[in-house]
C-alpha atoms as a PDB file:
ATOM      1  CA  MET A   1       0.000   0.000   0.000  1.00  0.00           C
ATOM      2  CA  GLN A   2       1.223   3.463  -0.858  1.00  0.00           C
ATOM      3  CA  ASP A   3       1.314   6.136   1.832  1.00  0.00           C
ATOM      4  CA  ALA A   4       2.080   9.829   2.283  1.00  0.00           C
ATOM      5  CA  GLU A   5       5.842   9.235   2.415  1.00  0.00           C
ATOM      6  CA  ASP A   6       5.675   7.356  -0.903  1.00  0.00           C
ATOM      7  CA  VAL A   7       3.807  10.315  -2.396  1.00  0.00           C
ATOM      8  CA  ARG A   8       6.347  12.768  -1.013  1.00  0.00           C
ATOM      9  CA  ARG A   9       9.354  10.753  -2.195  1.00  0.00           C
ATOM     10  CA  THR A  10       7.876  10.156  -5.663  1.00  0.00           C
ATOM     11  CA  ALA A  11       6.671  13.718  -6.200  1.00  0.00           C
ATOM     12  CA  LEU A  12       9.976  15.224  -5.072  1.00  0.00           C
ATOM     13  CA  SER A  13      11.856  12.914  -7.454  1.00  0.00           C
ATOM     14  CA  LEU A  14      10.252  14.718 -10.399  1.00  0.00           C
ATOM     15  CA  PRO A  15      12.326  17.585 -11.867  1.00  0.00           C
ATOM     16  CA  ASP A  16      12.057  21.066 -10.340  1.00  0.00           C
ATOM     17  CA  THR A  17       9.481  19.900  -7.782  1.00  0.00           C
ATOM     18  CA  THR A  18       9.143  21.504  -4.376  1.00  0.00           C
ATOM     19  CA  GLU A  19       6.871  20.883  -1.419  1.00  0.00           C
ATOM     20  CA  LYS A  20       4.947  23.741   0.129  1.00  0.00           C
ATOM     21  CA  THR A  21       2.270  23.762   2.810  1.00  0.00           C
ATOM     22  CA  ALA A  22      -0.929  25.448   1.672  1.00  0.00           C
ATOM     23  CA  TRP A  23      -4.425  25.199   3.200  1.00  0.00           C
ATOM     24  CA  ASN A  24      -2.791  23.260   6.064  1.00  0.00           C
ATOM     25  CA  MET A  25      -1.696  20.402   3.794  1.00  0.00           C
ATOM     26  CA  PRO A  26       1.356  19.419   1.776  1.00  0.00           C
ATOM     27  CA  THR A  27       1.267  20.506  -1.861  1.00  0.00           C
ATOM     28  CA  PHE A  28       3.745  19.682  -4.597  1.00  0.00           C
ATOM     29  CA  ARG A  29       4.676  22.180  -7.282  1.00  0.00           C
ATOM     30  CA  VAL A  30       6.690  22.191 -10.472  1.00  0.00           C
ATOM     31  CA  ALA A  31       8.247  25.555 -11.320  1.00  0.00           C
ATOM     32  CA  GLY A  32       5.877  27.044  -8.720  1.00  0.00           C
ATOM     33  CA  LYS A  33       2.690  25.534 -10.206  1.00  0.00           C
ATOM     34  CA  MET A  34       0.771  23.047  -8.066  1.00  0.00           C
ATOM     35  CA  PHE A  35       0.302  19.534  -9.450  1.00  0.00           C
ATOM     36  CA  ALA A  36      -0.550  17.433  -6.374  1.00  0.00           C
ATOM     37  CA  THR A  37      -1.822  17.765  -2.816  1.00  0.00           C
ATOM     38  CA  LEU A  38      -2.096  15.442   0.178  1.00  0.00           C
ATOM     39  CA  PRO A  39      -5.496  16.417   1.622  1.00  0.00           C
ATOM     40  CA  GLU A  40      -7.430  15.002   4.579  1.00  0.00           C
ATOM     41  CA  ASN A  41      -5.544  12.482   6.671  1.00  0.00           C
ATOM     42  CA  GLU A  42      -3.013  11.909   3.891  1.00  0.00           C
ATOM     43  CA  THR A  43      -4.931   8.822   2.716  1.00  0.00           C
ATOM     44  CA  SER A  44      -5.503  10.238  -0.747  1.00  0.00           C
ATOM     45  CA  ILE A  45      -3.953  12.631  -3.213  1.00  0.00           C
ATOM     46  CA  ALA A  46      -5.495  15.226  -5.475  1.00  0.00           C
ATOM     47  CA  VAL A  47      -3.884  15.548  -8.908  1.00  0.00           C
ATOM     48  CA  ARG A  48      -4.447  17.467 -12.114  1.00  0.00           C
ATOM     49  CA  CYS A  49      -6.559  15.605 -14.639  1.00  0.00           C
ATOM     50  CA  PRO A  50      -8.451  16.919 -17.679  1.00  0.00           C
ATOM     51  CA  LYS A  51     -12.169  16.855 -16.883  1.00  0.00           C
ATOM     52  CA  GLU A  52     -13.035  14.415 -19.680  1.00  0.00           C
ATOM     53  CA  GLU A  53     -10.389  11.934 -18.533  1.00  0.00           C
ATOM     54  CA  ARG A  54     -11.314  12.499 -14.905  1.00  0.00           C
ATOM     55  CA  ASP A  55     -14.940  11.590 -15.505  1.00  0.00           C
ATOM     56  CA  GLU A  56     -13.889   8.427 -17.364  1.00  0.00           C
ATOM     57  CA  LEU A  57     -11.538   7.416 -14.530  1.00  0.00           C
ATOM     58  CA  VAL A  58     -14.223   7.894 -11.894  1.00  0.00           C
ATOM     59  CA  LEU A  59     -16.723   5.827 -13.889  1.00  0.00           C
ATOM     60  CA  ALA A  60     -14.195   3.071 -14.633  1.00  0.00           C
ATOM     61  CA  GLU A  61     -12.668   2.804 -11.132  1.00  0.00           C
ATOM     62  CA  PRO A  62     -14.854   4.508  -8.509  1.00  0.00           C
ATOM     63  CA  GLY A  63     -13.037   2.675  -5.713  1.00  0.00           C
ATOM     64  CA  LYS A  64      -9.808   4.377  -6.724  1.00  0.00           C
ATOM     65  CA  PHE A  65     -10.829   7.771  -8.161  1.00  0.00           C
ATOM     66  CA  TRP A  66     -13.426  10.335  -7.125  1.00  0.00           C
ATOM     67  CA  ILE A  67     -14.189  14.023  -7.446  1.00  0.00           C
ATOM     68  CA  ALA A  68     -14.394  16.104  -4.295  1.00  0.00           C
ATOM     69  CA  ASP A  69     -17.394  18.438  -4.329  1.00  0.00           C
ATOM     70  CA  HIS A  70     -15.304  21.594  -3.978  1.00  0.00           C
ATOM     71  CA  GLU A  71     -13.031  20.501  -6.863  1.00  0.00           C
ATOM     72  CA  ALA A  72     -15.778  19.545  -9.353  1.00  0.00           C
ATOM     73  CA  GLN A  73     -15.362  22.756 -11.353  1.00  0.00           C
ATOM     74  CA  PHE A  74     -11.606  22.270 -11.648  1.00  0.00           C
ATOM     75  CA  ALA A  75      -9.535  19.760 -13.614  1.00  0.00           C
ATOM     76  CA  TRP A  76      -8.516  17.724 -10.536  1.00  0.00           C
ATOM     77  CA  VAL A  77      -9.271  14.192  -9.368  1.00  0.00           C
ATOM     78  CA  ARG A  78      -8.746  12.435  -6.045  1.00  0.00           C
ATOM     79  CA  VAL A  79      -6.927   9.105  -5.782  1.00  0.00           C
ATOM     80  CA  ARG A  80      -7.228   6.730  -2.821  1.00  0.00           C
ATOM     81  CA  LEU A  81      -3.695   5.666  -1.913  1.00  0.00           C
ATOM     82  CA  ALA A  82      -4.837   2.315  -0.520  1.00  0.00           C
ATOM     83  CA  ALA A  83      -6.372   1.448  -3.913  1.00  0.00           C
ATOM     84  CA  LEU A  84      -3.136   1.890  -5.875  1.00  0.00           C
ATOM     85  CA  GLU A  85      -1.532  -1.312  -7.086  1.00  0.00           C
ATOM     86  CA  ASP A  86       2.076  -0.270  -6.530  1.00  0.00           C
ATOM     87  CA  GLY A  87       4.668   2.490  -6.655  1.00  0.00           C
ATOM     88  CA  ASP A  88       4.743   2.407 -10.451  1.00  0.00           C
ATOM     89  CA  GLU A  89       1.071   3.341 -10.614  1.00  0.00           C
ATOM     90  CA  LEU A  90       1.641   6.168  -8.120  1.00  0.00           C
ATOM     91  CA  ARG A  91       4.583   7.434 -10.188  1.00  0.00           C
ATOM     92  CA  ASP A  92       2.536   7.303 -13.409  1.00  0.00           C
ATOM     93  CA  ILE A  93      -0.288   9.302 -11.826  1.00  0.00           C
ATOM     94  CA  LEU A  94       2.049  11.912 -10.324  1.00  0.00           C
ATOM     95  CA  ALA A  95       4.147  12.179 -13.507  1.00  0.00           C
ATOM     96  CA  ASP A  96       1.005  12.719 -15.598  1.00  0.00           C
ATOM     97  CA  SER A  97      -0.114  15.503 -13.279  1.00  0.00           C
ATOM     98  CA  TRP A  98       3.434  16.962 -13.270  1.00  0.00           C
ATOM     99  CA  ARG A  99       3.399  17.076 -17.106  1.00  0.00           C
ATOM    100  CA  GLN A 100       0.170  19.074 -17.056  1.00  0.00           C
ATOM    101  CA  ALA A 101       1.697  21.721 -14.799  1.00  0.00           C
ATOM    102  CA  ALA A 102       5.305  21.764 -16.042  1.00  0.00           C
ATOM    103  CA  PRO A 103       6.490  24.523 -18.352  1.00  0.00           C
ATOM    104  CA  THR A 104       7.586  23.614 -21.875  1.00  0.00           C
ATOM    105  CA  ARG A 105      11.263  24.067 -21.000  1.00  0.00           C
ATOM    106  CA  LEU A 106      11.043  21.231 -18.459  1.00  0.00           C
ATOM    107  CA  LEU A 107       8.978  18.987 -20.731  1.00  0.00           C
ATOM    108  CA  GLU A 108      11.647  19.417 -23.408  1.00  0.00           C
ATOM    109  CA  ALA A 109      14.499  18.917 -20.935  1.00  0.00           C
ATOM    110  CA  TYR A 110      13.035  15.641 -19.597  1.00  0.00           C
ATOM    111  CA  PRO A 111      11.639  13.765 -22.614  1.00  0.00           C
ATOM    112  CA  GLU A 112      11.734  10.492 -20.656  1.00  0.00           C
ATOM    113  CA  LEU A 113       8.776  11.807 -18.652  1.00  0.00           C
ATOM    114  CA  GLY A 114       6.809  12.146 -21.877  1.00  0.00           C
ATOM    115  CA  LEU A 115       5.217  15.170 -23.447  1.00  0.00           C
ATOM    116  CA  PRO A 116       1.495  15.708 -22.965  1.00  0.00           C
ATOM    117  CA  ALA A 117      -0.738  14.644 -25.845  1.00  0.00           C
ATOM    118  CA  ALA A 118      -1.429  17.363 -28.411  1.00  0.00           C
ATOM    119  CA  GLU A 119      -4.885  18.838 -28.073  1.00  0.00           C
END
């Protein structure tokens, strides 16, 4: 099972990522732009996710993904840490969120993290 320390270690392993407390919880930022938070009792994470993909994730795996009421208008999704299969899945989720927040210069500098799909 993944926990808050796994989230912290994985998020901070991504390029130019820092941790900052905001709203009384840990948040993770790339080049100053937030891409993940550890809300509640650090049993879940909130990550960036395009609304269309978010809705599909929630429908496909409601035991793993959900939308918090106060985040419904934003492109964020919650992920239950206990529902993650392993550290690779956590890294994939955090890296995807990181890519959505990272500036082009970082996306180009770290091609191994993958560029976001063209819209």
